[in-house]
Amino acid sequence: MIKRFLTERRSWILFFLLQQVILLFVAYVDPAISLSAVSYFVFLFFLLLFLFLFQRYQKETAFYKTLTERESDLDASTLLSPRSPFEAIIEKSIIEQTQHLKQTASYNRIEIEQEKDEMLSWIHEVKTPLTAMHLMIQRIDDDVFKADLTYEWLRIHLLLDQQLHQKRIPFIKNDLYMENADLESLLFSELKTLQSWCIQKGIGFDFDLQITHVLADTKWLAFIIRQILTNAVKYSDSSDILIKSYVQDERTYLEIKDSGRGIDERDLPRIFDKGFTSTTQHHDQASTGMGLYLAQKAANSLHINIFADSKLHDGTTFTLLFPSKNEFQQIMGV
C-alpha cells in the first residue's frame, strides 16, 4: 500500500523536489544568498514533507485498504465512511453498482427458478404419453419391430430421467432422505427397466451380493446406479455384467464390471467431467457426456466415492464406496 501511495503522489513529490533543487541552485549561483542557510531550510522542508506524507498516508489509505481487504460479495456496509470528495464518489459508484448487481442477480434467480419449474412440469407431462406409448409397444406382435421401438422408447425415457435429475441436483440437499436402502431390490428394479435392451444386445448379469443393504438415499442411489448400468449396457455386446457388493475395512463396496469396449487410459481422469465423451470414440453421437458427471455430483452429496478402472477393449469396472457409520451420522446431522 505504501508503494501505491507514493506512486499516486509521485507528481506532487517530484514537484516538491524540483522546488528544492531550484532553491539550492539559486543559492549556489547567487553569492548574496547563503548556501548553508538555504540547505538548512531545504532539510527542514524535507522533514516536514516526510511528516506530511506520513500523516496523509494514514488518512488517505484507510478507505482504500477496506476496498482491497473486503470480500468479493455485494455487501457495501463494510466500507469506511468517505473522508474526501473523491472517496465519496467511489463509495456512491460502488453502492449503485452493488444495488444493480443485486437486482440483476435476483431477476436471474427468478428466471432460473421459473425455467426449472417449467422444465420439470414439461418432463412430467411428457411422461404420460411416453407411458401410453410403452403400453402400445407391448401390444405389437412383430418381435423385431417391437424390440427396436422399445429400445428407442427406452432412450427417450432415460434422457428425460437424466434431464429431470439434472434440474434437481442443485437442490439435492433439500431432497435427501438417508436410510438403510435395499440394494438388491434397487438393482433388480433398474435391470427390469433395461431388460428389453439387454435382451436385444445379448447381455446377462451375474450377482454376488454379500451386502444387500447400504446407507444412502434410495432415489438418488438408484439414479447413480442407473447411469453406470446404462453405460455398461450401451458399450457392451453379448457378454455378462458382474455386480457384486462386499465389505472391506468396515466400508461397503459395490462393483459393476462389464466386458465392453473399455476406456482409454488418457480418458479415465476426464470421464466425470461435464460434457466429456471420448477421445478414441469422438464420432459417437449417442453419448451426451452428462450421465457420469451427474452421477458423481449426486454421489458427492451422498458421501459416496466413485472410482473407475478400465482398459481399452477390456471392459470397465465402476466401484461405489459407501460412507461409514460415522460419516452417515455426520450426514444425518446436516
Protein backbone atom coordinates (compact mmCIF):
# COMPACT_ATOMS: atom_id res chain seq x y z
CA MET A 1 0.00 0.00 0.00
CA ILE A 2 2.94 2.38 0.71
CA LYS A 3 4.31 1.86 -2.78
CA ARG A 4 0.89 2.56 -4.28
CA PHE A 5 0.51 5.72 -2.17
CA LEU A 6 3.91 7.06 -3.25
CA THR A 7 3.12 6.23 -6.87
CA GLU A 8 -0.19 8.07 -6.58
CA ARG A 9 1.55 11.13 -5.09
CA ARG A 10 4.58 10.90 -7.36
CA SER A 11 3.83 14.09 -9.32
CA TRP A 12 3.47 16.14 -6.11
CA ILE A 13 6.69 14.72 -4.67
CA LEU A 14 8.59 15.40 -7.88
CA PHE A 15 7.22 18.95 -7.93
CA PHE A 16 8.44 19.48 -4.36
CA LEU A 17 11.87 18.06 -5.22
CA LEU A 18 12.10 20.35 -8.23
CA GLN A 19 11.40 23.36 -6.00
CA GLN A 20 14.18 22.37 -3.59
CA VAL A 21 16.62 21.85 -6.43
CA ILE A 22 15.80 25.31 -7.79
CA LEU A 23 16.35 26.88 -4.34
CA LEU A 24 19.70 25.16 -3.96
CA PHE A 25 20.70 26.15 -7.49
CA VAL A 26 19.79 29.83 -6.90
CA ALA A 27 21.74 29.84 -3.62
CA TYR A 28 24.69 28.26 -5.39
CA VAL A 29 24.85 30.79 -8.24
CA ASP A 30 23.98 33.89 -6.16
CA PRO A 31 26.75 34.84 -3.73
CA ALA A 32 24.35 37.13 -1.85
CA ILE A 33 22.35 34.11 -0.66
CA SER A 34 23.87 31.84 1.94
CA LEU A 35 24.01 28.27 0.60
CA SER A 36 24.28 26.82 4.10
CA ALA A 37 21.15 28.68 5.25
CA VAL A 38 19.19 27.52 2.22
CA SER A 39 20.42 23.95 2.76
CA TYR A 40 19.16 24.15 6.35
CA PHE A 41 15.72 25.26 5.15
CA VAL A 42 15.69 22.53 2.49
CA PHE A 43 16.42 19.96 5.20
CA LEU A 44 13.52 21.30 7.29
CA PHE A 45 11.24 21.19 4.25
CA PHE A 46 12.18 17.54 3.62
CA LEU A 47 11.45 16.74 7.25
CA LEU A 48 8.08 18.46 7.00
CA LEU A 49 7.39 16.61 3.74
CA PHE A 50 8.10 13.29 5.43
CA LEU A 51 5.78 14.09 8.34
CA PHE A 52 3.13 15.39 5.96
CA LEU A 53 3.28 12.24 3.77
CA PHE A 54 3.12 10.01 6.85
CA GLN A 55 0.02 11.81 8.11
CA ARG A 56 -1.66 11.79 4.70
CA TYR A 57 -0.82 8.10 4.23
CA GLN A 58 -2.63 7.20 7.44
CA LYS A 59 -5.65 9.26 6.49
CA GLU A 60 -5.96 8.64 2.75
CA THR A 61 -5.24 4.88 2.58
CA ALA A 62 -7.69 3.74 5.28
CA PHE A 63 -10.62 3.87 2.87
CA TYR A 64 -8.75 2.09 0.09
CA LYS A 65 -7.49 -0.62 2.45
CA THR A 66 -11.11 -1.60 3.10
CA LEU A 67 -11.58 -1.90 -0.67
CA THR A 68 -8.63 -4.28 -1.07
CA GLU A 69 -9.48 -6.34 2.03
CA ARG A 70 -13.23 -6.62 1.61
CA GLU A 71 -14.66 -9.93 0.43
CA SER A 72 -15.96 -10.38 -3.09
CA ASP A 73 -19.60 -10.01 -2.14
CA LEU A 74 -22.36 -7.47 -2.59
CA ASP A 75 -22.19 -6.06 0.94
CA ALA A 76 -21.22 -2.38 0.78
CA SER A 77 -21.67 -1.87 4.53
CA THR A 78 -18.05 -2.90 5.19
CA LEU A 79 -16.75 0.28 3.53
CA LEU A 80 -15.45 3.08 5.73
CA SER A 81 -17.17 6.43 5.61
CA PRO A 82 -15.54 8.60 2.93
CA ARG A 83 -13.33 11.45 4.15
CA SER A 84 -12.86 13.24 0.84
CA PRO A 85 -14.99 14.16 -2.18
CA PHE A 86 -13.20 11.59 -4.35
CA GLU A 87 -13.80 8.83 -1.80
CA ALA A 88 -17.46 9.84 -1.71
CA ILE A 89 -17.65 9.45 -5.50
CA ILE A 90 -16.12 5.97 -5.24
CA GLU A 91 -18.49 4.95 -2.44
CA LYS A 92 -21.51 6.18 -4.40
CA SER A 93 -20.39 4.27 -7.50
CA ILE A 94 -19.84 1.05 -5.54
CA ILE A 95 -23.22 1.29 -3.82
CA GLU A 96 -25.02 1.94 -7.12
CA GLN A 97 -23.23 -0.96 -8.83
CA THR A 98 -23.94 -3.24 -5.87
CA GLN A 99 -27.63 -2.43 -5.97
CA HIS A 100 -27.71 -3.01 -9.72
CA LEU A 101 -25.93 -6.38 -9.36
CA LYS A 102 -28.32 -7.42 -6.59
CA GLN A 103 -31.31 -6.57 -8.75
CA THR A 104 -29.81 -8.44 -11.71
CA ALA A 105 -28.98 -11.48 -9.56
CA SER A 106 -32.48 -11.51 -8.11
CA TYR A 107 -34.03 -11.25 -11.57
CA ASN A 108 -31.79 -14.04 -12.93
CA ARG A 109 -32.60 -16.24 -9.93
CA ILE A 110 -36.32 -15.81 -10.55
CA GLU A 111 -35.84 -16.56 -14.25
CA ILE A 112 -33.84 -19.72 -13.49
CA GLU A 113 -36.41 -20.91 -10.97
CA GLN A 114 -39.21 -20.29 -13.46
CA GLU A 115 -37.32 -22.09 -16.21
CA LYS A 116 -36.61 -25.03 -13.90
CA ASP A 117 -40.25 -25.29 -12.86
CA GLU A 118 -41.39 -25.13 -16.49
CA MET A 119 -38.88 -27.80 -17.49
CA LEU A 120 -39.91 -30.10 -14.63
CA SER A 121 -43.55 -29.58 -15.50
CA TRP A 122 -42.86 -30.37 -19.15
CA ILE A 123 -40.94 -33.54 -18.25
CA HIS A 124 -43.80 -34.78 -16.08
CA GLU A 125 -46.31 -34.02 -18.83
CA VAL A 126 -44.22 -35.89 -21.41
CA LYS A 127 -44.11 -38.94 -19.16
CA THR A 128 -47.85 -39.51 -19.65
CA PRO A 129 -47.78 -40.00 -23.45
CA LEU A 130 -44.49 -41.86 -23.05
CA THR A 131 -46.15 -44.34 -20.71
CA ALA A 132 -49.06 -44.73 -23.13
CA MET A 133 -46.56 -45.28 -25.96
CA HIS A 134 -44.87 -48.06 -23.99
CA LEU A 135 -48.20 -49.81 -23.44
CA MET A 136 -48.93 -49.63 -27.16
CA ILE A 137 -45.50 -51.02 -28.00
CA GLN A 138 -46.19 -54.03 -25.79
CA ARG A 139 -49.17 -54.93 -27.99
CA ILE A 140 -47.06 -55.19 -31.16
CA ASP A 141 -46.76 -58.77 -32.45
CA ASP A 142 -43.62 -58.31 -34.56
CA ASP A 143 -40.86 -59.09 -32.06
CA VAL A 144 -38.06 -57.43 -34.04
CA PHE A 145 -40.04 -54.25 -34.63
CA LYS A 146 -41.19 -54.31 -31.02
CA ALA A 147 -37.60 -54.61 -29.76
CA ASP A 148 -36.46 -51.70 -31.93
CA LEU A 149 -39.29 -49.46 -30.74
CA THR A 150 -38.71 -50.46 -27.12
CA TYR A 151 -35.04 -49.53 -27.44
CA GLU A 152 -35.85 -46.09 -28.85
CA TRP A 153 -38.53 -45.61 -26.19
CA LEU A 154 -36.01 -46.51 -23.51
CA ARG A 155 -33.52 -43.99 -24.85
CA ILE A 156 -36.13 -41.22 -24.61
CA HIS A 157 -37.12 -42.38 -21.14
CA LEU A 158 -33.54 -42.35 -19.88
CA LEU A 159 -32.78 -38.95 -21.42
CA LEU A 160 -35.88 -37.45 -19.79
CA ASP A 161 -34.93 -39.03 -16.48
CA GLN A 162 -31.41 -37.60 -16.79
CA GLN A 163 -32.78 -34.15 -17.57
CA LEU A 164 -35.15 -34.36 -14.61
CA HIS A 165 -32.37 -35.18 -12.18
CA GLN A 166 -30.07 -32.58 -13.73
CA LYS A 167 -32.59 -29.90 -12.80
CA ARG A 168 -32.95 -31.31 -9.29
CA ILE A 169 -29.25 -31.76 -8.46
CA PRO A 170 -28.61 -28.10 -7.45
CA PHE A 171 -31.22 -28.59 -4.72
CA ILE A 172 -30.33 -32.19 -3.84
CA LYS A 173 -29.55 -31.42 -0.19
CA ASN A 174 -33.20 -30.41 0.28
CA ASP A 175 -34.32 -33.73 -1.16
CA LEU A 176 -32.12 -36.22 0.71
CA TYR A 177 -33.57 -38.91 2.94
CA MET A 178 -30.83 -41.18 4.24
CA GLU A 179 -31.97 -44.68 5.08
CA ASN A 180 -30.98 -48.33 5.06
CA ALA A 181 -31.60 -48.84 1.33
CA ASP A 182 -32.36 -52.29 -0.06
CA LEU A 183 -29.57 -52.65 -2.61
CA GLU A 184 -30.84 -55.92 -4.06
CA SER A 185 -34.35 -54.62 -4.77
CA LEU A 186 -32.96 -51.42 -6.20
CA LEU A 187 -30.67 -53.27 -8.62
CA PHE A 188 -33.40 -55.61 -9.84
CA SER A 189 -35.75 -52.67 -10.35
CA GLU A 190 -33.21 -50.86 -12.51
CA LEU A 191 -32.39 -54.00 -14.50
CA LYS A 192 -36.07 -54.61 -15.14
CA THR A 193 -36.23 -51.23 -16.90
CA LEU A 194 -33.23 -52.17 -19.04
CA GLN A 195 -34.43 -55.75 -19.64
CA SER A 196 -35.53 -55.39 -23.27
CA TRP A 197 -32.35 -53.54 -24.19
CA CYS A 198 -30.21 -56.22 -22.51
CA ILE A 199 -32.08 -59.00 -24.33
CA GLN A 200 -31.59 -57.20 -27.64
CA LYS A 201 -27.82 -56.95 -27.05
CA GLY A 202 -27.44 -60.42 -25.54
CA ILE A 203 -26.27 -59.12 -22.16
CA GLY A 204 -26.69 -61.07 -18.93
CA PHE A 205 -25.94 -60.32 -15.29
CA ASP A 206 -24.06 -62.20 -12.57
CA PHE A 207 -24.69 -61.23 -8.94
CA ASP A 208 -22.51 -61.66 -5.88
CA LEU A 209 -24.18 -59.53 -3.24
CA GLN A 210 -22.59 -60.15 0.13
CA ILE A 211 -24.16 -56.90 1.33
CA THR A 212 -27.81 -56.25 0.49
CA HIS A 213 -28.42 -53.03 2.42
CA VAL A 214 -26.46 -49.77 2.34
CA LEU A 215 -26.76 -46.35 3.95
CA ALA A 216 -27.98 -43.99 1.23
CA ASP A 217 -30.89 -42.09 -0.25
CA THR A 218 -32.71 -44.75 -2.28
CA LYS A 219 -33.95 -42.44 -5.03
CA TRP A 220 -30.60 -40.79 -5.71
CA LEU A 221 -28.67 -44.04 -5.33
CA ALA A 222 -30.97 -45.55 -7.97
CA PHE A 223 -30.12 -42.64 -10.27
CA ILE A 224 -26.36 -43.15 -9.77
CA ILE A 225 -26.57 -46.88 -10.44
CA ARG A 226 -28.85 -46.24 -13.43
CA GLN A 227 -26.21 -44.08 -15.10
CA ILE A 228 -23.49 -46.69 -14.56
CA LEU A 229 -25.66 -49.61 -15.70
CA THR A 230 -26.79 -47.66 -18.77
CA ASN A 231 -23.17 -47.05 -19.74
CA ALA A 232 -22.28 -50.69 -19.12
CA VAL A 233 -25.11 -51.93 -21.34
CA LYS A 234 -24.57 -49.28 -24.01
CA TYR A 235 -20.92 -50.16 -24.54
CA SER A 236 -21.19 -53.95 -24.20
CA ASP A 237 -22.35 -56.71 -26.55
CA SER A 238 -23.09 -60.40 -25.94
CA SER A 239 -21.39 -60.54 -22.56
CA ASP A 240 -22.17 -60.65 -18.86
CA ILE A 241 -22.04 -57.78 -16.41
CA LEU A 242 -20.84 -58.68 -12.91
CA ILE A 243 -22.40 -56.89 -9.95
CA LYS A 244 -21.03 -57.59 -6.51
CA SER A 245 -21.03 -55.99 -3.08
CA TYR A 246 -18.71 -56.65 -0.17
CA VAL A 247 -17.20 -55.17 2.97
CA GLN A 248 -13.57 -54.19 3.25
CA ASP A 249 -12.02 -52.25 6.14
CA GLU A 250 -15.54 -51.73 7.54
CA ARG A 251 -16.58 -49.94 4.35
CA THR A 252 -19.21 -51.20 1.90
CA TYR A 253 -18.26 -51.51 -1.77
CA LEU A 254 -20.43 -52.05 -4.84
CA GLU A 255 -18.73 -53.07 -8.09
CA ILE A 256 -20.29 -53.06 -11.55
CA LYS A 257 -17.95 -54.70 -14.05
CA ASP A 258 -18.62 -55.04 -17.77
CA SER A 259 -16.66 -56.57 -20.65
CA GLY A 260 -17.35 -53.80 -23.14
CA ARG A 261 -15.12 -51.59 -25.23
CA GLY A 262 -13.43 -50.04 -22.19
CA ILE A 263 -11.98 -46.59 -21.71
CA ASP A 264 -8.64 -45.31 -22.93
CA GLU A 265 -6.17 -44.65 -20.12
CA ARG A 266 -5.82 -41.00 -21.12
CA ASP A 267 -9.61 -40.55 -20.89
CA LEU A 268 -10.05 -42.03 -17.40
CA PRO A 269 -9.28 -38.83 -15.44
CA ARG A 270 -11.88 -36.93 -17.52
CA ILE A 271 -14.87 -39.29 -17.64
CA PHE A 272 -16.63 -37.44 -14.81
CA ASP A 273 -16.13 -34.04 -16.45
CA LYS A 274 -19.23 -32.27 -17.71
CA GLY A 275 -19.83 -32.89 -21.41
CA PHE A 276 -16.80 -35.17 -21.89
CA THR A 277 -17.50 -38.11 -24.21
CA SER A 278 -14.33 -39.71 -25.55
CA THR A 279 -11.16 -39.04 -27.49
CA THR A 280 -10.97 -42.51 -29.03
CA GLN A 281 -14.67 -42.67 -30.00
CA HIS A 282 -15.20 -38.99 -30.72
CA HIS A 283 -17.64 -39.78 -33.52
CA ASP A 284 -20.07 -41.42 -31.08
CA GLN A 285 -23.19 -39.23 -31.32
CA ALA A 286 -25.16 -41.31 -28.81
CA SER A 287 -23.11 -40.13 -25.85
CA THR A 288 -24.07 -36.88 -24.10
CA GLY A 289 -21.22 -36.72 -21.60
CA MET A 290 -23.67 -35.94 -18.81
CA GLY A 291 -24.51 -39.30 -17.19
CA LEU A 292 -21.32 -39.88 -15.20
CA TYR A 293 -20.98 -36.16 -14.44
CA LEU A 294 -24.44 -36.10 -12.85
CA ALA A 295 -23.81 -39.43 -11.13
CA GLN A 296 -20.70 -38.08 -9.41
CA LYS A 297 -22.48 -34.83 -8.46
CA ALA A 298 -25.21 -36.86 -6.77
CA ALA A 299 -22.66 -39.23 -5.20
CA ASN A 300 -20.76 -36.34 -3.64
CA SER A 301 -23.91 -35.22 -1.84
CA LEU A 302 -24.41 -38.76 -0.54
CA HIS A 303 -20.74 -39.00 0.53
CA ILE A 304 -20.30 -41.88 -1.91
CA ASN A 305 -16.98 -42.15 -3.75
CA ILE A 306 -17.00 -43.42 -7.34
CA PHE A 307 -13.90 -44.99 -8.88
CA ALA A 308 -13.39 -46.25 -12.41
CA ASP A 309 -10.84 -48.80 -13.61
CA SER A 310 -10.67 -49.68 -17.27
CA LYS A 311 -8.54 -50.75 -20.21
CA LEU A 312 -9.36 -50.10 -23.81
CA HIS A 313 -11.19 -53.11 -25.37
CA ASP A 314 -11.05 -54.90 -22.00
CA GLY A 315 -14.09 -53.69 -20.08
CA THR A 316 -14.69 -51.22 -17.27
CA THR A 317 -15.22 -51.56 -13.54
CA PHE A 318 -17.08 -48.88 -11.59
CA THR A 319 -16.76 -49.05 -7.80
CA LEU A 320 -19.04 -47.26 -5.36
CA LEU A 321 -17.59 -46.75 -1.88
CA PHE A 322 -20.35 -46.03 0.62
CA PRO A 323 -19.91 -43.88 3.75
CA SER A 324 -19.13 -45.46 7.09
CA LYS A 325 -21.49 -45.21 10.03
CA ASN A 326 -19.64 -42.17 11.40
CA GLU A 327 -19.92 -40.37 8.06
CA PHE A 328 -23.57 -41.35 7.90
CA GLN A 329 -24.15 -39.74 11.30
CA GLN A 330 -22.48 -36.56 10.02
CA ILE A 331 -24.80 -36.54 7.00
CA MET A 332 -27.83 -37.06 9.21
CA GLY A 333 -26.57 -34.24 11.45
CA VAL A 334 -26.63 -31.88 8.48
